[in-house]
C-alpha atoms as a PDB file:
ATOM      1  CA  TYR A   1       0.000   0.000   0.000  1.00  0.00           C
ATOM      2  CA  LYS A   2       1.019   3.602  -0.574  1.00  0.00           C
ATOM      3  CA  ASP A   3      -1.755   5.248   1.427  1.00  0.00           C
ATOM      4  CA  LEU A   4      -2.230   4.958   5.191  1.00  0.00           C
ATOM      5  CA  ASN A   5      -6.024   4.872   4.971  1.00  0.00           C
ATOM      6  CA  GLU A   6      -5.945   2.043   2.430  1.00  0.00           C
ATOM      7  CA  GLY A   7      -3.550   0.100   4.631  1.00  0.00           C
ATOM      8  CA  LEU A   8      -5.676   0.690   7.709  1.00  0.00           C
ATOM      9  CA  LYS A   9      -8.804  -0.441   5.863  1.00  0.00           C
ATOM     10  CA  TYR A  10      -7.098  -3.710   4.956  1.00  0.00           C
ATOM     11  CA  ALA A  11      -5.867  -4.163   8.538  1.00  0.00           C
ATOM     12  CA  LYS A  12      -9.448  -3.912   9.756  1.00  0.00           C
ATOM     13  CA  GLU A  13     -10.563  -6.432   7.147  1.00  0.00           C
ATOM     14  CA  ILE A  14      -8.061  -9.088   8.236  1.00  0.00           C
ATOM     15  CA  GLY A  15      -8.303  -8.076  11.905  1.00  0.00           C
ATOM     16  CA  PHE A  16      -5.769  -6.893  14.450  1.00  0.00           C
ATOM     17  CA  PRO A  17      -3.060  -7.665  15.433  1.00  0.00           C
ATOM     18  CA  VAL A  18      -1.112  -7.009  12.249  1.00  0.00           C
ATOM     19  CA  VAL A  19       2.453  -6.484  11.091  1.00  0.00           C
ATOM     20  CA  ILE A  20       3.692  -3.502   9.065  1.00  0.00           C
ATOM     21  CA  LYS A  21       6.923  -3.584   7.062  1.00  0.00           C
ATOM     22  CA  PRO A  22       8.538  -1.854   4.081  1.00  0.00           C
ATOM     23  CA  THR A  23       8.415  -4.074   0.991  1.00  0.00           C
ATOM     24  CA  THR A  24      12.009  -3.633  -0.193  1.00  0.00           C
ATOM     25  CA  LEU A  25      14.203  -3.124   2.868  1.00  0.00           C
ATOM     26  CA  SER A  26      16.177  -5.618   4.955  1.00  0.00           C
ATOM     27  CA  ARG A  27      17.485  -6.290   8.481  1.00  0.00           C
ATOM     28  CA  GLY A  28      14.203  -5.433  10.155  1.00  0.00           C
ATOM     29  CA  ARG A  29      14.297  -1.766   9.195  1.00  0.00           C
ATOM     30  CA  GLY A  30      10.878  -0.174   9.552  1.00  0.00           C
ATOM     31  CA  VAL A  31       9.186  -3.353  10.823  1.00  0.00           C
ATOM     32  CA  THR A  32       6.613  -3.294  13.625  1.00  0.00           C
ATOM     33  CA  ALA A  33       4.870  -6.467  14.792  1.00  0.00           C
ATOM     34  CA  ASN A  34       1.819  -7.165  16.954  1.00  0.00           C
ATOM     35  CA  ILE A  35       0.032  -3.886  16.163  1.00  0.00           C
ATOM     36  CA  LYS A  36      -3.215  -3.999  18.102  1.00  0.00           C
ATOM     37  CA  ASN A  37      -5.153  -0.824  17.291  1.00  0.00           C
ATOM     38  CA  GLU A  38      -5.437   2.208  14.988  1.00  0.00           C
ATOM     39  CA  GLU A  39      -3.162   4.429  17.078  1.00  0.00           C
ATOM     40  CA  GLU A  40      -0.354   1.866  17.017  1.00  0.00           C
ATOM     41  CA  PHE A  41      -1.012   1.308  13.310  1.00  0.00           C
ATOM     42  CA  GLU A  42      -0.466   4.979  12.457  1.00  0.00           C
ATOM     43  CA  LYS A  43       2.786   5.132  14.436  1.00  0.00           C
ATOM     44  CA  ALA A  44       4.013   1.922  12.820  1.00  0.00           C
ATOM     45  CA  TRP A  45       3.086   3.224   9.370  1.00  0.00           C
ATOM     46  CA  ASP A  46       5.137   6.394   9.915  1.00  0.00           C
ATOM     47  CA  HIS A  47       8.022   4.257  11.196  1.00  0.00           C
ATOM     48  CA  ALA A  48       7.923   2.089   8.058  1.00  0.00           C
ATOM     49  CA  VAL A  49       7.765   5.053   5.667  1.00  0.00           C
ATOM     50  CA  SER A  50      10.603   6.886   7.440  1.00  0.00           C
ATOM     51  CA  ALA A  51      12.830   3.802   7.112  1.00  0.00           C
ATOM     52  CA  TYR A  52      13.038   4.470   3.366  1.00  0.00           C
ATOM     53  CA  GLN A  53      15.620   6.949   2.121  1.00  0.00           C
ATOM     54  CA  LYS A  54      14.117  10.331   1.282  1.00  0.00           C
ATOM     55  CA  SER A  55      15.275   9.999  -2.319  1.00  0.00           C
ATOM     56  CA  ARG A  56      13.225   6.838  -2.879  1.00  0.00           C
ATOM     57  CA  GLN A  57      10.308   7.430  -5.237  1.00  0.00           C
ATOM     58  CA  THR A  58       8.380   4.334  -4.184  1.00  0.00           C
ATOM     59  CA  LYS A  59       7.700   3.707  -0.521  1.00  0.00           C
ATOM     60  CA  ASP A  60       5.301   0.775  -0.572  1.00  0.00           C
ATOM     61  CA  ILE A  61       4.224  -0.709   2.762  1.00  0.00           C
ATOM     62  CA  LEU A  62       3.177  -4.316   3.414  1.00  0.00           C
ATOM     63  CA  VAL A  63       0.375  -5.034   5.884  1.00  0.00           C
ATOM     64  CA  GLU A  64      -0.104  -8.640   6.971  1.00  0.00           C
ATOM     65  CA  LYS A  65      -1.730 -10.667   9.716  1.00  0.00           C
ATOM     66  CA  HIS A  66       0.387 -11.082  12.833  1.00  0.00           C
ATOM     67  CA  PHE A  67       1.219 -14.688  13.737  1.00  0.00           C
ATOM     68  CA  ASP A  68       2.239 -15.212  17.334  1.00  0.00           C
ATOM     69  CA  GLY A  69       5.335 -17.338  17.832  1.00  0.00           C
ATOM     70  CA  TYR A  70       9.118 -17.423  17.839  1.00  0.00           C
ATOM     71  CA  ASP A  71      11.310 -16.502  14.883  1.00  0.00           C
ATOM     72  CA  TYR A  72      13.532 -19.256  13.461  1.00  0.00           C
ATOM     73  CA  ARG A  73      16.009 -19.170  10.579  1.00  0.00           C
ATOM     74  CA  VAL A  74      16.691 -22.565   8.972  1.00  0.00           C
ATOM     75  CA  PHE A  75      19.674 -22.626   6.622  1.00  0.00           C
ATOM     76  CA  VAL A  76      19.291 -25.068   3.729  1.00  0.00           C
ATOM     77  CA  VAL A  77      22.006 -26.104   1.271  1.00  0.00           C
ATOM     78  CA  GLY A  78      20.887 -28.496  -1.466  1.00  0.00           C
ATOM     79  CA  ASP A  79      19.000 -31.331   0.230  1.00  0.00           C
ATOM     80  CA  LYS A  80      20.401 -30.655   3.681  1.00  0.00           C
ATOM     81  CA  VAL A  81      19.511 -28.499   6.667  1.00  0.00           C
ATOM     82  CA  VAL A  82      22.820 -27.123   7.919  1.00  0.00           C
ATOM     83  CA  SER A  83      21.542 -25.107  10.871  1.00  0.00           C
ATOM     84  CA  ALA A  84      18.512 -23.836  12.734  1.00  0.00           C
ATOM     85  CA  THR A  85      18.680 -20.633  14.725  1.00  0.00           C
ATOM     86  CA  LEU A  86      16.229 -19.042  17.127  1.00  0.00           C
ATOM     87  CA  ARG A  87      16.308 -15.306  16.517  1.00  0.00           C
ATOM     88  CA  LYS A  88      15.232 -13.827  19.827  1.00  0.00           C
ATOM     89  CA  ARG A  89      14.221 -10.179  19.949  1.00  0.00           C
ATOM     90  CA  ALA A  90      16.663  -7.740  21.546  1.00  0.00           C
ATOM     91  CA  ASN A  91      16.339  -8.181  25.283  1.00  0.00           C
ATOM     92  CA  VAL A  92      17.956  -7.729  28.665  1.00  0.00           C
ATOM     93  CA  VAL A  93      17.572  -9.619  31.945  1.00  0.00           C
ATOM     94  CA  GLY A  94      17.527  -7.683  35.204  1.00  0.00           C
ATOM     95  CA  ASP A  95      19.958  -8.176  38.064  1.00  0.00           C
ATOM     96  CA  GLY A  96      18.098  -6.030  40.596  1.00  0.00           C
ATOM     97  CA  VAL A  97      20.847  -3.402  40.584  1.00  0.00           C
ATOM     98  CA  SER A  98      21.653  -2.182  37.057  1.00  0.00           C
ATOM     99  CA  THR A  99      19.495   0.202  35.045  1.00  0.00           C
ATOM    100  CA  ILE A 100      18.127  -0.955  31.703  1.00  0.00           C
ATOM    101  CA  LYS A 101      20.703   1.189  29.917  1.00  0.00           C
ATOM    102  CA  GLU A 102      23.505  -0.386  31.965  1.00  0.00           C
ATOM    103  CA  LEU A 103      22.168  -3.863  31.141  1.00  0.00           C
ATOM    104  CA  ILE A 104      22.199  -2.976  27.439  1.00  0.00           C
ATOM    105  CA  GLN A 105      25.782  -1.747  27.719  1.00  0.00           C
ATOM    106  CA  LYS A 106      26.867  -4.946  29.478  1.00  0.00           C
ATOM    107  CA  LYS A 107      25.220  -7.087  26.823  1.00  0.00           C
ATOM    108  CA  ASN A 108      26.721  -5.013  24.030  1.00  0.00           C
ATOM    109  CA  LYS A 109      30.150  -5.557  25.551  1.00  0.00           C
ATOM    110  CA  LYS A 110      29.618  -9.311  25.156  1.00  0.00           C
ATOM    111  CA  ARG A 111      28.231  -8.896  21.627  1.00  0.00           C
ATOM    112  CA  SER A 112      31.253  -6.822  20.632  1.00  0.00           C
ATOM    113  CA  LEU A 113      33.464  -9.889  21.175  1.00  0.00           C
ATOM    114  CA  ASN A 114      31.525 -11.844  18.515  1.00  0.00           C
ATOM    115  CA  PRO A 115      32.881 -11.479  14.921  1.00  0.00           C
ATOM    116  CA  TYR A 116      29.377 -11.147  13.484  1.00  0.00           C
ATOM    117  CA  LEU A 117      27.428  -9.518  16.303  1.00  0.00           C
ATOM    118  CA  GLU A 118      29.979  -6.767  16.954  1.00  0.00           C
ATOM    119  CA  GLY A 119      28.436  -4.790  14.114  1.00  0.00           C
ATOM    120  CA  TYR A 120      24.892  -5.171  15.452  1.00  0.00           C
ATOM    121  CA  LEU A 121      24.743  -3.816  18.962  1.00  0.00           C
ATOM    122  CA  ILE A 122      21.500  -3.018  20.781  1.00  0.00           C
ATOM    123  CA  PRO A 123      20.667   0.692  20.387  1.00  0.00           C
ATOM    124  CA  GLU A 124      20.837   2.770  23.540  1.00  0.00           C
ATOM    125  CA  GLY A 125      18.303   5.412  22.530  1.00  0.00           C
ATOM    126  CA  GLU A 126      14.681   5.105  23.680  1.00  0.00           C
ATOM    127  CA  SER A 127      13.380   6.211  20.282  1.00  0.00           C
ATOM    128  CA  GLN A 128      14.868   3.039  18.738  1.00  0.00           C
ATOM    129  CA  LEU A 129      13.530   0.698  21.428  1.00  0.00           C
ATOM    130  CA  ASP A 130       9.854   0.600  20.509  1.00  0.00           C
ATOM    131  CA  LEU A 131       8.808  -2.144  22.924  1.00  0.00           C
ATOM    132  CA  LEU A 132      10.579  -0.443  25.808  1.00  0.00           C
ATOM    133  CA  VAL A 133       8.396   2.600  25.174  1.00  0.00           C
ATOM    134  CA  ARG A 134       5.207   0.595  24.570  1.00  0.00           C
ATOM    135  CA  GLN A 135       5.696  -1.141  27.921  1.00  0.00           C
ATOM    136  CA  ASN A 136       6.155   2.229  29.685  1.00  0.00           C
ATOM    137  CA  TYR A 137       9.763   1.662  30.740  1.00  0.00           C
ATOM    138  CA  LYS A 138      12.596   4.191  30.808  1.00  0.00           C
ATOM    139  CA  LEU A 139      16.287   3.510  30.314  1.00  0.00           C
ATOM    140  CA  ASP A 140      17.040   4.496  33.902  1.00  0.00           C
ATOM    141  CA  ASP A 141      14.536   1.991  35.343  1.00  0.00           C
ATOM    142  CA  ILE A 142      15.905  -1.005  37.270  1.00  0.00           C
ATOM    143  CA  LEU A 143      14.529  -4.472  36.512  1.00  0.00           C
ATOM    144  CA  GLU A 144      14.051  -7.098  39.172  1.00  0.00           C
ATOM    145  CA  LYS A 145      16.575  -9.919  39.252  1.00  0.00           C
ATOM    146  CA  GLY A 146      15.705 -12.471  36.571  1.00  0.00           C
ATOM    147  CA  GLN A 147      13.106 -10.214  34.910  1.00  0.00           C
ATOM    148  CA  GLU A 148      13.395 -10.294  31.119  1.00  0.00           C
ATOM    149  CA  LEU A 149      12.451  -7.246  29.070  1.00  0.00           C
ATOM    150  CA  ILE A 150      12.014  -7.417  25.282  1.00  0.00           C
ATOM    151  CA  LEU A 151      13.215  -4.130  23.781  1.00  0.00           C
ATOM    152  CA  ARG A 152      12.398  -4.132  20.051  1.00  0.00           C
ATOM    153  CA  SER A 153       9.755  -5.520  17.676  1.00  0.00           C
ATOM    154  CA  PRO A 154      12.073  -6.901  14.974  1.00  0.00           C
ATOM    155  CA  SER A 155      13.762 -10.180  15.857  1.00  0.00           C
ATOM    156  CA  ASN A 156      16.547  -9.646  13.330  1.00  0.00           C
ATOM    157  CA  ILE A 157      20.070 -10.136  14.638  1.00  0.00           C
ATOM    158  CA  SER A 158      20.951  -6.829  12.976  1.00  0.00           C
ATOM    159  CA  ALA A 159      18.349  -5.195  15.239  1.00  0.00           C
ATOM    160  CA  GLY A 160      20.150  -6.449  18.344  1.00  0.00           C
ATOM    161  CA  GLY A 161      18.489  -9.861  18.539  1.00  0.00           C
ATOM    162  CA  ASP A 162      20.127 -12.966  20.007  1.00  0.00           C
ATOM    163  CA  SER A 163      21.121 -15.839  17.713  1.00  0.00           C
ATOM    164  CA  ILE A 164      20.587 -19.102  19.591  1.00  0.00           C
ATOM    165  CA  ASP A 165      21.515 -22.409  17.970  1.00  0.00           C
ATOM    166  CA  VAL A 166      18.671 -24.974  17.971  1.00  0.00           C
ATOM    167  CA  THR A 167      19.924 -27.228  15.171  1.00  0.00           C
ATOM    168  CA  ASP A 168      19.822 -30.343  17.336  1.00  0.00           C
ATOM    169  CA  GLU A 169      16.237 -29.589  18.398  1.00  0.00           C
ATOM    170  CA  ILE A 170      14.490 -29.124  15.038  1.00  0.00           C
ATOM    171  CA  HIS A 171      11.798 -31.674  14.205  1.00  0.00           C
ATOM    172  CA  LYS A 172      12.518 -33.724  11.076  1.00  0.00           C
ATOM    173  CA  GLU A 173       9.306 -32.555   9.408  1.00  0.00           C
ATOM    174  CA  PHE A 174      10.307 -28.921   9.825  1.00  0.00           C
ATOM    175  CA  LYS A 175      13.520 -29.873   8.019  1.00  0.00           C
ATOM    176  CA  GLU A 176      11.472 -31.397   5.203  1.00  0.00           C
ATOM    177  CA  ILE A 177       9.313 -28.272   4.901  1.00  0.00           C
ATOM    178  CA  ALA A 178      12.395 -26.027   4.751  1.00  0.00           C
ATOM    179  CA  ILE A 179      14.055 -28.145   2.046  1.00  0.00           C
ATOM    180  CA  SER A 180      10.828 -28.276  -0.006  1.00  0.00           C
ATOM    181  CA  ALA A 181      10.404 -24.506   0.291  1.00  0.00           C
ATOM    182  CA  VAL A 182      13.832 -23.872  -1.216  1.00  0.00           C
ATOM    183  CA  LYS A 183      13.259 -26.425  -3.994  1.00  0.00           C
ATOM    184  CA  ALA A 184      10.034 -24.646  -4.917  1.00  0.00           C
ATOM    185  CA  ILE A 185      12.052 -21.638  -6.118  1.00  0.00           C
ATOM    186  CA  PRO A 186      13.942 -22.387  -9.360  1.00  0.00           C
ATOM    187  CA  GLY A 187      17.644 -21.621  -9.474  1.00  0.00           C
ATOM    188  CA  ILE A 188      18.288 -21.257  -5.745  1.00  0.00           C
ATOM    189  CA  PRO A 189      20.636 -23.951  -4.413  1.00  0.00           C
ATOM    190  CA  TYR A 190      20.629 -22.590  -0.874  1.00  0.00           C
ATOM    191  CA  ALA A 191      18.586 -20.178   1.234  1.00  0.00           C
ATOM    192  CA  GLY A 192      17.494 -19.194   4.694  1.00  0.00           C
ATOM    193  CA  VAL A 193      13.932 -20.272   5.432  1.00  0.00           C
ATOM    194  CA  ASP A 194      12.271 -18.184   8.137  1.00  0.00           C
ATOM    195  CA  PHE A 195       9.594 -19.781  10.291  1.00  0.00           C
ATOM    196  CA  ILE A 196       7.357 -18.174  12.870  1.00  0.00           C
ATOM    197  CA  ALA A 197       6.437 -21.111  15.089  1.00  0.00           C
ATOM    198  CA  LYS A 198       5.287 -21.982  18.578  1.00  0.00           C
ATOM    199  CA  SER A 199       8.174 -24.439  18.716  1.00  0.00           C
ATOM    200  CA  ILE A 200      10.374 -25.874  16.010  1.00  0.00           C
ATOM    201  CA  SER A 201      10.990 -29.062  17.973  1.00  0.00           C
ATOM    202  CA  VAL A 202       7.410 -30.368  17.782  1.00  0.00           C
ATOM    203  CA  LYS A 203       5.607 -31.903  14.807  1.00  0.00           C
ATOM    204  CA  PRO A 204       4.417 -29.127  12.476  1.00  0.00           C
ATOM    205  CA  ASN A 205       0.733 -28.748  11.617  1.00  0.00           C
ATOM    206  CA  SER A 206      -1.433 -26.223   9.800  1.00  0.00           C
ATOM    207  CA  SER A 207      -1.892 -23.989  12.837  1.00  0.00           C
ATOM    208  CA  ASN A 208       1.451 -23.963  14.696  1.00  0.00           C
ATOM    209  CA  HIS A 209       3.730 -22.301  12.142  1.00  0.00           C
ATOM    210  CA  ILE A 210       4.060 -20.148   9.033  1.00  0.00           C
ATOM    211  CA  ILE A 211       6.931 -19.458   6.635  1.00  0.00           C
ATOM    212  CA  SER A 212       7.446 -15.707   6.750  1.00  0.00           C
ATOM    213  CA  GLU A 213      10.302 -15.419   4.261  1.00  0.00           C
ATOM    214  CA  ILE A 214      12.778 -17.296   2.083  1.00  0.00           C
ATOM    215  CA  GLU A 215      16.038 -15.355   2.043  1.00  0.00           C
ATOM    216  CA  PHE A 216      18.189 -16.040  -1.034  1.00  0.00           C
ATOM    217  CA  SER A 217      21.251 -14.368   0.506  1.00  0.00           C
ATOM    218  CA  PRO A 218      21.143 -15.287   4.200  1.00  0.00           C
ATOM    219  CA  ALA A 219      23.627 -13.890   6.699  1.00  0.00           C
ATOM    220  CA  PRO A 220      26.010 -16.346   8.416  1.00  0.00           C
ATOM    221  CA  ILE A 221      24.307 -16.026  11.791  1.00  0.00           C
ATOM    222  CA  ALA A 222      24.745 -19.710  12.687  1.00  0.00           C
ATOM    223  CA  GLN A 223      28.488 -19.488  12.080  1.00  0.00           C
ATOM    224  CA  PHE A 224      28.834 -17.035  14.969  1.00  0.00           C
ATOM    225  CA  PRO A 225      25.907 -17.613  17.376  1.00  0.00           C
ATOM    226  CA  TYR A 226      25.328 -15.557  20.487  1.00  0.00           C
ATOM    227  CA  GLN A 227      24.510 -18.775  22.309  1.00  0.00           C
ATOM    228  CA  GLY A 228      25.069 -22.425  21.431  1.00  0.00           C
ATOM    229  CA  LYS A 229      27.146 -24.413  18.959  1.00  0.00           C
ATOM    230  CA  SER A 230      28.685 -22.844  15.859  1.00  0.00           C
ATOM    231  CA  ARG A 231      27.599 -24.374  12.539  1.00  0.00           C
ATOM    232  CA  ASP A 232      29.904 -24.467   9.505  1.00  0.00           C
ATOM    233  CA  ILE A 233      27.772 -22.642   6.959  1.00  0.00           C
ATOM    234  CA  ALA A 234      30.740 -21.596   4.835  1.00  0.00           C
ATOM    235  CA  GLY A 235      32.012 -25.168   4.681  1.00  0.00           C
ATOM    236  CA  ALA A 236      28.600 -26.490   3.643  1.00  0.00           C
ATOM    237  CA  LEU A 237      28.428 -23.987   0.777  1.00  0.00           C
ATOM    238  CA  LEU A 238      31.942 -24.808  -0.415  1.00  0.00           C
ATOM    239  CA  ASP A 239      31.235 -28.537  -0.281  1.00  0.00           C
ATOM    240  CA  TYR A 240      28.058 -28.049  -2.297  1.00  0.00           C
ATOM    241  CA  TYR A 241      29.679 -26.073  -5.083  1.00  0.00           C
ATOM    242  CA  LEU A 242      32.794 -28.260  -5.252  1.00  0.00           C
ATOM    243  CA  SER A 243      30.657 -31.381  -5.555  1.00  0.00           C
ATOM    244  CA  ASN A 244      28.439 -29.862  -8.247  1.00  0.00           C
ATOM    245  CA  LYS A 245      31.008 -28.122 -10.438  1.00  0.00           C
END
């Protein structure tokens, strides 16, 4: 959609909550999930439009039904699932002493030691932490010990999300779905298949998951996870091309 009123009309037709995202951007820029009413819709629309560069002539916005679940990236090469990663939204866990800003800084210090995550730190400005604001928190608030606070809508690693390896937990039928999804697109020997699912370790059915995207140029997030075992994505790609030359 190009017009807010048209987008809002469609949102009402499919029913809240919805997701708003730019159609041609990446890394979670301009994305807002779980929009529950008109006021949130208008703010999310402005956020999506402003994510485009001012010089862009076309600033189309996608409105779609929100599906509640966790965000998983499954990396497929040929007929094989190489990795499965839970992409957890940017978050901090309270210690009963540190402010939210201090918790972000501590986490960013750990992320900065990771070859991939060092370039994707959690923002420290409230204007960039939409869920912090929507939950009526301030950066100088102190969380209780063990209290987790989700900070941003996008679950992208580039938006400060955590990459958690779950390769050993993925159900075999989710693997089959991911492989079939890549095969359905001609000329793509490998891709990242993104699932929104209640759990990727249980048997999939028609109501517990969706495929939200098939990424033809996926980032090597499983090579350098925030948590869990590293998976050799680069090696899998090299093996594929060397065996099919």
